[in-house]
């Protein structure tokens, strides 16, 4: 399976939780729009992620997962859950 990773890093600027969540949501929207603009061949797209600091940090942001295993992976993610215990 192919993987491309894109990051947006803010350094030296103080952001509160609300600002971080807003920026994360806007980056998610831009990333999905970029897939469309690039005419990426996407099948079985699964998008997971969040912009909420109280949730699992490993899923902060957006993950777009495609291909035949996306549905199965989505179910496993739902089984695990996003909330920290």
Protein backbone atom coordinates (compact mmCIF):
# COMPACT_ATOMS: atom_id res chain seq x y z
CA UNK A 1 0.00 0.00 0.00
CA UNK A 2 1.27 3.44 -0.92
CA UNK A 3 1.62 6.17 1.68
CA UNK A 4 2.22 9.91 1.37
CA UNK A 5 2.45 12.08 4.44
CA UNK A 6 2.03 15.86 4.56
CA UNK A 7 2.57 17.97 7.67
CA UNK A 8 1.83 21.50 8.75
CA UNK A 9 3.92 22.59 11.71
CA UNK A 10 3.50 25.78 13.72
CA UNK A 11 6.53 26.70 15.82
CA UNK A 12 7.03 29.74 18.02
CA UNK A 13 3.37 30.81 18.01
CA UNK A 14 1.28 30.28 21.13
CA UNK A 15 -2.11 28.74 20.30
CA UNK A 16 -4.84 27.85 22.77
CA UNK A 17 -6.88 24.63 22.46
CA UNK A 18 -9.68 26.35 20.54
CA UNK A 19 -7.26 27.82 18.01
CA UNK A 20 -5.52 24.47 17.55
CA UNK A 21 -8.85 22.73 16.94
CA UNK A 22 -9.91 25.34 14.39
CA UNK A 23 -6.61 25.07 12.51
CA UNK A 24 -6.83 21.26 12.52
CA UNK A 25 -10.36 21.37 11.03
CA UNK A 26 -9.31 23.82 8.32
CA UNK A 27 -6.28 21.70 7.39
CA UNK A 28 -8.52 18.63 7.18
CA UNK A 29 -10.82 20.41 4.74
CA UNK A 30 -7.89 21.62 2.66
CA UNK A 31 -6.35 18.15 2.52
CA UNK A 32 -9.52 16.52 1.24
CA UNK A 33 -9.97 19.31 -1.30
CA UNK A 34 -6.38 18.77 -2.44
CA UNK A 35 -7.07 15.07 -3.11
CA UNK A 36 -9.90 16.14 -5.40
CA UNK A 37 -7.84 18.87 -7.07
CA UNK A 38 -5.07 16.35 -7.76
CA UNK A 39 -7.57 13.97 -9.36
CA UNK A 40 -6.32 11.26 -7.02
CA UNK A 41 -7.81 7.84 -7.71
CA UNK A 42 -9.46 7.05 -4.42
CA UNK A 43 -11.47 3.93 -3.72
CA UNK A 44 -13.09 3.00 -0.43
CA UNK A 45 -11.96 6.27 1.19
CA UNK A 46 -12.01 6.29 4.98
CA UNK A 47 -11.27 9.54 6.78
CA UNK A 48 -10.44 9.42 10.45
CA UNK A 49 -9.06 11.99 12.79
CA UNK A 50 -10.01 14.84 15.03
CA UNK A 51 -9.00 18.24 16.33
CA UNK A 52 -9.92 17.73 19.97
CA UNK A 53 -7.03 17.66 22.49
CA UNK A 54 -8.86 15.27 24.88
CA UNK A 55 -8.99 12.51 22.26
CA UNK A 56 -6.24 10.09 21.36
CA UNK A 57 -3.22 12.17 20.23
CA UNK A 58 -2.12 9.61 17.62
CA UNK A 59 -5.23 10.48 15.58
CA UNK A 60 -4.89 14.26 15.87
CA UNK A 61 -5.44 15.71 12.42
CA UNK A 62 -6.85 13.78 9.50
CA UNK A 63 -5.94 10.42 8.05
CA UNK A 64 -7.36 9.57 4.62
CA UNK A 65 -7.14 5.82 4.06
CA UNK A 66 -8.20 4.24 0.79
CA UNK A 67 -8.21 0.85 -0.78
CA UNK A 68 -9.75 -2.53 -0.14
CA UNK A 69 -8.86 -2.65 3.57
CA UNK A 70 -10.26 0.78 4.50
CA UNK A 71 -13.62 -0.52 5.74
CA UNK A 72 -12.02 -3.22 7.89
CA UNK A 73 -9.53 -0.73 9.33
CA UNK A 74 -12.37 1.70 10.07
CA UNK A 75 -14.17 -0.96 12.07
CA UNK A 76 -11.03 -1.71 14.08
CA UNK A 77 -10.59 1.99 14.82
CA UNK A 78 -14.21 2.20 15.98
CA UNK A 79 -13.66 -0.83 18.21
CA UNK A 80 -10.64 0.82 19.85
CA UNK A 81 -12.30 4.23 20.14
CA UNK A 82 -10.83 7.71 20.15
CA UNK A 83 -11.29 8.54 23.83
CA UNK A 84 -8.31 8.37 26.15
CA UNK A 85 -8.94 6.30 29.28
